[in-house]
Amino acid sequence: MAEALHVTEPHHPVEGLIHHPDGCARCWWAGLDPLYVAYHDTEWGVPERDGRALYEKLILDGFQAGLSWITILRRRDGFRRAFADFDPEAIARFTEADVARLMQDTGIIRNRAKIVGTVAGARAWLRIEESGPGFSKFLWNHLPEGQPVQDIARTRGEIQTETDLSRRIAKALKAQGFTFCGPVIVHAFMQAVGMVNDHLVGCHRHAPCAALAEEDR
């Protein structure tokens, strides 16, 4: 899950909800940053089935480890430029020279292990695409009937940071060659791509994301 921003206003009577000037109640972690609020309202929790988009989000969540999501979100365009718009076929061909180049790129988080892990993940993505049902189904098939889990948390304290499901998916990803995909990172990823609807029940996005999941059946 994205990390919280410190917010004192506007008033949030239900722990975990922030009531914004537009009249909408939102999950606490979006704070008041317009970029974060837009991400919360248009992307987070929306079921994603595109394999390449899922690869991008998993990699970015790995880069987030130890940082706040807003830090990654503000650099997302830089990451897309640096990593060939997250085209796994292109990234899989990256060489040591590319790694060295990326280590000088101020538009991304310059962590060598995570850059190398991105290349390894691209190669793993290609193997899954070529030898199985594809990366999207590889992930979604872990869920009951391949459908999003609808959580009903009413406060932030009720939201889990990892689950048996995220632990199973993390193990499967690591077995394929992905890195920086522990169960906490994977659960945050699952929340973001709509595998789990973890918008608080009082958030204005909980019901729409649940409806999208029904339409996706």
C-alpha atoms as a PDB file:
ATOM      1  CA  MET A   1       0.000   0.000   0.000  1.00  0.00           C
ATOM      2  CA  ALA A   2       1.108   3.552  -0.557  1.00  0.00           C
ATOM      3  CA  GLU A   3       2.568   5.179   2.507  1.00  0.00           C
ATOM      4  CA  ALA A   4       0.613   7.895   4.281  1.00  0.00           C
ATOM      5  CA  LEU A   5       1.268  11.601   4.104  1.00  0.00           C
ATOM      6  CA  HIS A   6       0.953  13.582   7.314  1.00  0.00           C
ATOM      7  CA  VAL A   7      -2.397  15.350   7.047  1.00  0.00           C
ATOM      8  CA  THR A   8      -4.167  17.381   9.687  1.00  0.00           C
ATOM      9  CA  GLU A   9      -6.875  18.840   7.487  1.00  0.00           C
ATOM     10  CA  PRO A  10      -9.551  18.393   6.356  1.00  0.00           C
ATOM     11  CA  HIS A  11     -11.378  16.628   9.159  1.00  0.00           C
ATOM     12  CA  HIS A  12     -11.381  12.820   9.150  1.00  0.00           C
ATOM     13  CA  PRO A  13     -13.833  11.529  11.804  1.00  0.00           C
ATOM     14  CA  VAL A  14     -13.465   7.910  10.727  1.00  0.00           C
ATOM     15  CA  GLU A  15      -9.908   6.740  11.347  1.00  0.00           C
ATOM     16  CA  GLY A  16      -8.374   6.246   7.921  1.00  0.00           C
ATOM     17  CA  LEU A  17     -10.762   8.446   5.936  1.00  0.00           C
ATOM     18  CA  ILE A  18     -10.118  12.016   4.872  1.00  0.00           C
ATOM     19  CA  HIS A  19     -13.034  14.190   3.817  1.00  0.00           C
ATOM     20  CA  HIS A  20     -11.882  16.470   1.009  1.00  0.00           C
ATOM     21  CA  PRO A  21     -13.268  19.861  -0.017  1.00  0.00           C
ATOM     22  CA  ASP A  22     -14.938  18.273  -3.059  1.00  0.00           C
ATOM     23  CA  GLY A  23     -17.187  16.324  -0.676  1.00  0.00           C
ATOM     24  CA  CYS A  24     -15.517  12.951  -1.273  1.00  0.00           C
ATOM     25  CA  ALA A  25     -14.150  10.756   1.498  1.00  0.00           C
ATOM     26  CA  ARG A  26     -10.851   9.145   0.552  1.00  0.00           C
ATOM     27  CA  CYS A  27      -8.368   6.687   2.021  1.00  0.00           C
ATOM     28  CA  TRP A  28      -5.907   8.440   4.317  1.00  0.00           C
ATOM     29  CA  TRP A  29      -2.759   7.623   2.349  1.00  0.00           C
ATOM     30  CA  ALA A  30      -3.601   9.864  -0.608  1.00  0.00           C
ATOM     31  CA  GLY A  31      -3.325  12.926   1.621  1.00  0.00           C
ATOM     32  CA  LEU A  32      -3.897  16.216  -0.184  1.00  0.00           C
ATOM     33  CA  ASP A  33      -1.265  15.975  -2.904  1.00  0.00           C
ATOM     34  CA  PRO A  34      -3.142  16.414  -6.246  1.00  0.00           C
ATOM     35  CA  LEU A  35      -0.989  13.785  -7.984  1.00  0.00           C
ATOM     36  CA  TYR A  36      -1.596  11.285  -5.193  1.00  0.00           C
ATOM     37  CA  VAL A  37      -5.331  12.029  -5.092  1.00  0.00           C
ATOM     38  CA  ALA A  38      -5.616  11.533  -8.854  1.00  0.00           C
ATOM     39  CA  TYR A  39      -3.774   8.211  -8.581  1.00  0.00           C
ATOM     40  CA  HIS A  40      -6.100   7.135  -5.764  1.00  0.00           C
ATOM     41  CA  ASP A  41      -9.195   8.109  -7.737  1.00  0.00           C
ATOM     42  CA  THR A  42      -8.300   6.734 -11.170  1.00  0.00           C
ATOM     43  CA  GLU A  43      -5.799   3.876 -10.801  1.00  0.00           C
ATOM     44  CA  TRP A  44      -5.465   2.355  -7.342  1.00  0.00           C
ATOM     45  CA  GLY A  45      -7.794  -0.611  -6.915  1.00  0.00           C
ATOM     46  CA  VAL A  46      -8.913  -0.775 -10.557  1.00  0.00           C
ATOM     47  CA  PRO A  47      -8.573  -4.373 -11.817  1.00  0.00           C
ATOM     48  CA  GLU A  48      -5.655  -4.559 -14.241  1.00  0.00           C
ATOM     49  CA  ARG A  49      -5.394  -7.523 -16.641  1.00  0.00           C
ATOM     50  CA  ASP A  50      -2.732  -6.297 -19.044  1.00  0.00           C
ATOM     51  CA  GLY A  51       0.448  -8.318 -18.507  1.00  0.00           C
ATOM     52  CA  ARG A  52       2.836  -5.536 -19.439  1.00  0.00           C
ATOM     53  CA  ALA A  53       1.093  -3.030 -17.164  1.00  0.00           C
ATOM     54  CA  LEU A  54       1.255  -5.582 -14.343  1.00  0.00           C
ATOM     55  CA  TYR A  55       4.993  -6.006 -14.930  1.00  0.00           C
ATOM     56  CA  GLU A  56       5.514  -2.239 -14.751  1.00  0.00           C
ATOM     57  CA  LYS A  57       3.588  -1.906 -11.503  1.00  0.00           C
ATOM     58  CA  LEU A  58       5.368  -4.845  -9.875  1.00  0.00           C
ATOM     59  CA  ILE A  59       8.760  -3.373 -10.779  1.00  0.00           C
ATOM     60  CA  LEU A  60       7.809   0.070  -9.499  1.00  0.00           C
ATOM     61  CA  ASP A  61       6.540  -1.414  -6.246  1.00  0.00           C
ATOM     62  CA  GLY A  62       9.919  -3.099  -5.892  1.00  0.00           C
ATOM     63  CA  PHE A  63      11.644   0.249  -6.358  1.00  0.00           C
ATOM     64  CA  GLN A  64       9.331   1.697  -3.709  1.00  0.00           C
ATOM     65  CA  ALA A  65      10.723  -0.610  -0.998  1.00  0.00           C
ATOM     66  CA  GLY A  66      12.025   1.636   1.762  1.00  0.00           C
ATOM     67  CA  LEU A  67      10.451   4.730   0.174  1.00  0.00           C
ATOM     68  CA  SER A  68       7.016   6.303  -0.108  1.00  0.00           C
ATOM     69  CA  TRP A  69       4.905   5.608  -3.194  1.00  0.00           C
ATOM     70  CA  ILE A  70       4.618   9.327  -3.975  1.00  0.00           C
ATOM     71  CA  THR A  71       8.395   9.353  -4.475  1.00  0.00           C
ATOM     72  CA  ILE A  72       8.006   6.735  -7.211  1.00  0.00           C
ATOM     73  CA  LEU A  73       4.863   8.309  -8.638  1.00  0.00           C
ATOM     74  CA  ARG A  74       6.649  11.617  -9.179  1.00  0.00           C
ATOM     75  CA  ARG A  75       9.374   9.787 -11.101  1.00  0.00           C
ATOM     76  CA  ARG A  76       7.135   7.423 -13.059  1.00  0.00           C
ATOM     77  CA  ASP A  77       7.705   9.218 -16.362  1.00  0.00           C
ATOM     78  CA  GLY A  78      11.439   9.052 -15.725  1.00  0.00           C
ATOM     79  CA  PHE A  79      11.218   5.338 -15.046  1.00  0.00           C
ATOM     80  CA  ARG A  80       9.226   4.773 -18.229  1.00  0.00           C
ATOM     81  CA  ARG A  81      11.786   6.668 -20.276  1.00  0.00           C
ATOM     82  CA  ALA A  82      14.733   4.885 -18.662  1.00  0.00           C
ATOM     83  CA  PHE A  83      13.207   1.420 -18.970  1.00  0.00           C
ATOM     84  CA  ALA A  84      11.943   1.530 -22.568  1.00  0.00           C
ATOM     85  CA  ASP A  85       8.350   2.211 -21.488  1.00  0.00           C
ATOM     86  CA  PHE A  86       8.561  -1.041 -19.518  1.00  0.00           C
ATOM     87  CA  ASP A  87       8.713  -3.198 -22.618  1.00  0.00           C
ATOM     88  CA  PRO A  88       9.972  -6.530 -21.203  1.00  0.00           C
ATOM     89  CA  GLU A  89      11.451  -7.601 -24.551  1.00  0.00           C
ATOM     90  CA  ALA A  90      13.585  -4.475 -24.695  1.00  0.00           C
ATOM     91  CA  ILE A  91      14.595  -4.581 -21.037  1.00  0.00           C
ATOM     92  CA  ALA A  92      15.558  -8.256 -21.281  1.00  0.00           C
ATOM     93  CA  ARG A  93      18.270  -7.209 -23.735  1.00  0.00           C
ATOM     94  CA  PHE A  94      19.814  -4.657 -21.367  1.00  0.00           C
ATOM     95  CA  THR A  95      23.535  -5.151 -20.807  1.00  0.00           C
ATOM     96  CA  GLU A  96      25.953  -4.184 -18.081  1.00  0.00           C
ATOM     97  CA  ALA A  97      26.495  -0.958 -20.017  1.00  0.00           C
ATOM     98  CA  ASP A  98      22.771  -0.193 -19.697  1.00  0.00           C
ATOM     99  CA  VAL A  99      22.928  -0.850 -15.957  1.00  0.00           C
ATOM    100  CA  ALA A 100      25.861   1.563 -15.689  1.00  0.00           C
ATOM    101  CA  ARG A 101      23.933   4.149 -17.714  1.00  0.00           C
ATOM    102  CA  LEU A 102      20.881   3.825 -15.482  1.00  0.00           C
ATOM    103  CA  MET A 103      23.004   4.242 -12.397  1.00  0.00           C
ATOM    104  CA  GLN A 104      23.707   7.768 -13.664  1.00  0.00           C
ATOM    105  CA  ASP A 105      20.070   8.562 -14.462  1.00  0.00           C
ATOM    106  CA  THR A 106      18.696  11.097 -11.974  1.00  0.00           C
ATOM    107  CA  GLY A 107      15.160  10.520 -13.236  1.00  0.00           C
ATOM    108  CA  ILE A 108      14.895   7.189 -11.406  1.00  0.00           C
ATOM    109  CA  ILE A 109      15.902   5.644  -8.090  1.00  0.00           C
ATOM    110  CA  ARG A 110      19.518   4.648  -8.662  1.00  0.00           C
ATOM    111  CA  ASN A 111      19.690   1.336  -6.852  1.00  0.00           C
ATOM    112  CA  ARG A 112      21.870  -1.169  -8.673  1.00  0.00           C
ATOM    113  CA  ALA A 113      20.224  -4.272  -7.181  1.00  0.00           C
ATOM    114  CA  LYS A 114      16.776  -3.039  -8.194  1.00  0.00           C
ATOM    115  CA  ILE A 115      17.934  -2.111 -11.700  1.00  0.00           C
ATOM    116  CA  VAL A 116      19.490  -5.545 -12.170  1.00  0.00           C
ATOM    117  CA  GLY A 117      16.317  -7.070 -10.718  1.00  0.00           C
ATOM    118  CA  THR A 118      14.243  -5.216 -13.306  1.00  0.00           C
ATOM    119  CA  VAL A 119      16.229  -6.873 -16.092  1.00  0.00           C
ATOM    120  CA  ALA A 120      15.911 -10.271 -14.412  1.00  0.00           C
ATOM    121  CA  GLY A 121      12.180  -9.670 -14.040  1.00  0.00           C
ATOM    122  CA  ALA A 122      11.833  -8.869 -17.743  1.00  0.00           C
ATOM    123  CA  ARG A 123      13.500 -12.142 -18.638  1.00  0.00           C
ATOM    124  CA  ALA A 124      11.246 -13.986 -16.199  1.00  0.00           C
ATOM    125  CA  TRP A 125       8.213 -12.227 -17.706  1.00  0.00           C
ATOM    126  CA  LEU A 126       9.215 -13.443 -21.172  1.00  0.00           C
ATOM    127  CA  ARG A 127       9.651 -17.026 -19.960  1.00  0.00           C
ATOM    128  CA  ILE A 128       6.182 -16.958 -18.408  1.00  0.00           C
ATOM    129  CA  GLU A 129       4.674 -15.478 -21.561  1.00  0.00           C
ATOM    130  CA  GLU A 130       6.329 -18.063 -23.781  1.00  0.00           C
ATOM    131  CA  SER A 131       5.809 -21.184 -21.694  1.00  0.00           C
ATOM    132  CA  GLY A 132       2.537 -20.700 -19.859  1.00  0.00           C
ATOM    133  CA  PRO A 133      -0.778 -18.869 -19.795  1.00  0.00           C
ATOM    134  CA  GLY A 134       0.904 -15.459 -19.796  1.00  0.00           C
ATOM    135  CA  PHE A 135       1.960 -13.165 -16.985  1.00  0.00           C
ATOM    136  CA  SER A 136      -1.519 -11.799 -16.292  1.00  0.00           C
ATOM    137  CA  LYS A 137      -3.100 -15.230 -15.826  1.00  0.00           C
ATOM    138  CA  PHE A 138      -0.013 -16.417 -13.941  1.00  0.00           C
ATOM    139  CA  LEU A 139      -0.877 -13.811 -11.311  1.00  0.00           C
ATOM    140  CA  TRP A 140      -4.661 -13.732 -11.445  1.00  0.00           C
ATOM    141  CA  ASN A 141      -5.030 -17.517 -11.386  1.00  0.00           C
ATOM    142  CA  HIS A 142      -3.839 -17.449  -7.766  1.00  0.00           C
ATOM    143  CA  LEU A 143      -7.057 -15.675  -6.780  1.00  0.00           C
ATOM    144  CA  PRO A 144     -10.338 -17.519  -6.089  1.00  0.00           C
ATOM    145  CA  GLU A 145     -11.979 -17.949  -9.505  1.00  0.00           C
ATOM    146  CA  GLY A 146      -9.421 -15.440 -10.816  1.00  0.00           C
ATOM    147  CA  GLN A 147     -11.481 -12.574  -9.403  1.00  0.00           C
ATOM    148  CA  PRO A 148     -10.601  -9.652  -7.112  1.00  0.00           C
ATOM    149  CA  VAL A 149     -10.908 -10.106  -3.366  1.00  0.00           C
ATOM    150  CA  GLN A 150     -13.395  -7.618  -1.923  1.00  0.00           C
ATOM    151  CA  ASP A 151     -12.238  -6.505   1.504  1.00  0.00           C
ATOM    152  CA  ILE A 152     -14.544  -4.559   3.811  1.00  0.00           C
ATOM    153  CA  ALA A 153     -12.137  -2.694   6.067  1.00  0.00           C
ATOM    154  CA  ARG A 154     -13.670   0.362   7.705  1.00  0.00           C
ATOM    155  CA  THR A 155     -10.522   1.721   9.366  1.00  0.00           C
ATOM    156  CA  ARG A 156      -6.868   1.723   8.376  1.00  0.00           C
ATOM    157  CA  GLY A 157      -6.060  -0.580  11.280  1.00  0.00           C
ATOM    158  CA  GLU A 158      -8.154  -3.327   9.676  1.00  0.00           C
ATOM    159  CA  ILE A 159      -6.113  -3.390   6.468  1.00  0.00           C
ATOM    160  CA  GLN A 160      -3.492  -6.116   6.340  1.00  0.00           C
ATOM    161  CA  THR A 161       0.033  -5.558   5.073  1.00  0.00           C
ATOM    162  CA  GLU A 162       0.437  -9.145   3.862  1.00  0.00           C
ATOM    163  CA  THR A 163      -1.743 -12.232   3.535  1.00  0.00           C
ATOM    164  CA  ASP A 164      -1.453 -15.928   2.794  1.00  0.00           C
ATOM    165  CA  LEU A 165      -2.322 -15.051  -0.792  1.00  0.00           C
ATOM    166  CA  SER A 166       0.427 -12.451  -1.123  1.00  0.00           C
ATOM    167  CA  ARG A 167       2.881 -14.907   0.405  1.00  0.00           C
ATOM    168  CA  ARG A 168       1.952 -17.553  -2.170  1.00  0.00           C
ATOM    169  CA  ILE A 169       2.269 -15.138  -5.079  1.00  0.00           C
ATOM    170  CA  ALA A 170       5.567 -13.789  -3.751  1.00  0.00           C
ATOM    171  CA  LYS A 171       6.939 -17.317  -3.567  1.00  0.00           C
ATOM    172  CA  ALA A 172       5.773 -18.066  -7.115  1.00  0.00           C
ATOM    173  CA  LEU A 173       7.331 -14.867  -8.470  1.00  0.00           C
ATOM    174  CA  LYS A 174      10.661 -15.529  -6.777  1.00  0.00           C
ATOM    175  CA  ALA A 175      10.664 -19.055  -8.181  1.00  0.00           C
ATOM    176  CA  GLN A 176      10.398 -17.542 -11.662  1.00  0.00           C
ATOM    177  CA  GLY A 177      13.332 -15.174 -11.109  1.00  0.00           C
ATOM    178  CA  PHE A 178      11.720 -11.958  -9.894  1.00  0.00           C
ATOM    179  CA  THR A 179      13.369  -9.994  -7.090  1.00  0.00           C
ATOM    180  CA  PHE A 180      12.143  -7.371  -4.606  1.00  0.00           C
ATOM    181  CA  CYS A 181       8.792  -9.137  -4.473  1.00  0.00           C
ATOM    182  CA  GLY A 182       8.329 -10.133  -0.847  1.00  0.00           C
ATOM    183  CA  PRO A 183       4.814 -10.662   0.524  1.00  0.00           C
ATOM    184  CA  VAL A 184       4.427  -7.067   1.760  1.00  0.00           C
ATOM    185  CA  ILE A 185       5.466  -5.637  -1.617  1.00  0.00           C
ATOM    186  CA  VAL A 186       3.227  -8.128  -3.405  1.00  0.00           C
ATOM    187  CA  HIS A 187       0.243  -7.237  -1.231  1.00  0.00           C
ATOM    188  CA  ALA A 188       0.762  -3.541  -1.986  1.00  0.00           C
ATOM    189  CA  PHE A 189       0.953  -4.478  -5.661  1.00  0.00           C
ATOM    190  CA  MET A 190      -2.253  -6.511  -5.408  1.00  0.00           C
ATOM    191  CA  GLN A 191      -4.057  -3.585  -3.809  1.00  0.00           C
ATOM    192  CA  ALA A 192      -2.861  -1.214  -6.503  1.00  0.00           C
ATOM    193  CA  VAL A 193      -3.838  -3.400  -9.472  1.00  0.00           C
ATOM    194  CA  GLY A 194      -7.232  -4.310  -8.082  1.00  0.00           C
ATOM    195  CA  MET A 195      -6.556  -7.914  -7.137  1.00  0.00           C
ATOM    196  CA  VAL A 196      -7.676  -6.807  -3.699  1.00  0.00           C
ATOM    197  CA  ASN A 197     -10.159  -3.980  -3.202  1.00  0.00           C
ATOM    198  CA  ASP A 198      -8.668  -2.350  -0.113  1.00  0.00           C
ATOM    199  CA  HIS A 199     -10.295   1.022  -0.413  1.00  0.00           C
ATOM    200  CA  LEU A 200     -11.949   1.594   2.947  1.00  0.00           C
ATOM    201  CA  VAL A 201     -15.679   0.956   2.840  1.00  0.00           C
ATOM    202  CA  GLY A 202     -16.381   4.631   3.477  1.00  0.00           C
ATOM    203  CA  CYS A 203     -14.070   5.744   0.647  1.00  0.00           C
ATOM    204  CA  HIS A 204     -15.882   6.987  -2.447  1.00  0.00           C
ATOM    205  CA  ARG A 205     -13.851   4.553  -4.587  1.00  0.00           C
ATOM    206  CA  HIS A 206     -14.707   1.325  -2.767  1.00  0.00           C
ATOM    207  CA  ALA A 207     -18.071   0.740  -4.447  1.00  0.00           C
ATOM    208  CA  PRO A 208     -16.921   1.735  -7.973  1.00  0.00           C
ATOM    209  CA  CYS A 209     -13.934  -0.626  -7.764  1.00  0.00           C
ATOM    210  CA  ALA A 210     -16.214  -3.409  -6.554  1.00  0.00           C
ATOM    211  CA  ALA A 211     -18.512  -2.715  -9.514  1.00  0.00           C
ATOM    212  CA  LEU A 212     -15.565  -2.843 -11.925  1.00  0.00           C
ATOM    213  CA  ALA A 213     -14.656  -6.235 -10.524  1.00  0.00           C
ATOM    214  CA  GLU A 214     -18.193  -7.476 -11.227  1.00  0.00           C
ATOM    215  CA  GLU A 215     -18.057  -6.132 -14.786  1.00  0.00           C
ATOM    216  CA  ASP A 216     -14.740  -7.927 -15.229  1.00  0.00           C
ATOM    217  CA  ARG A 217     -16.234 -11.351 -14.563  1.00  0.00           C
END
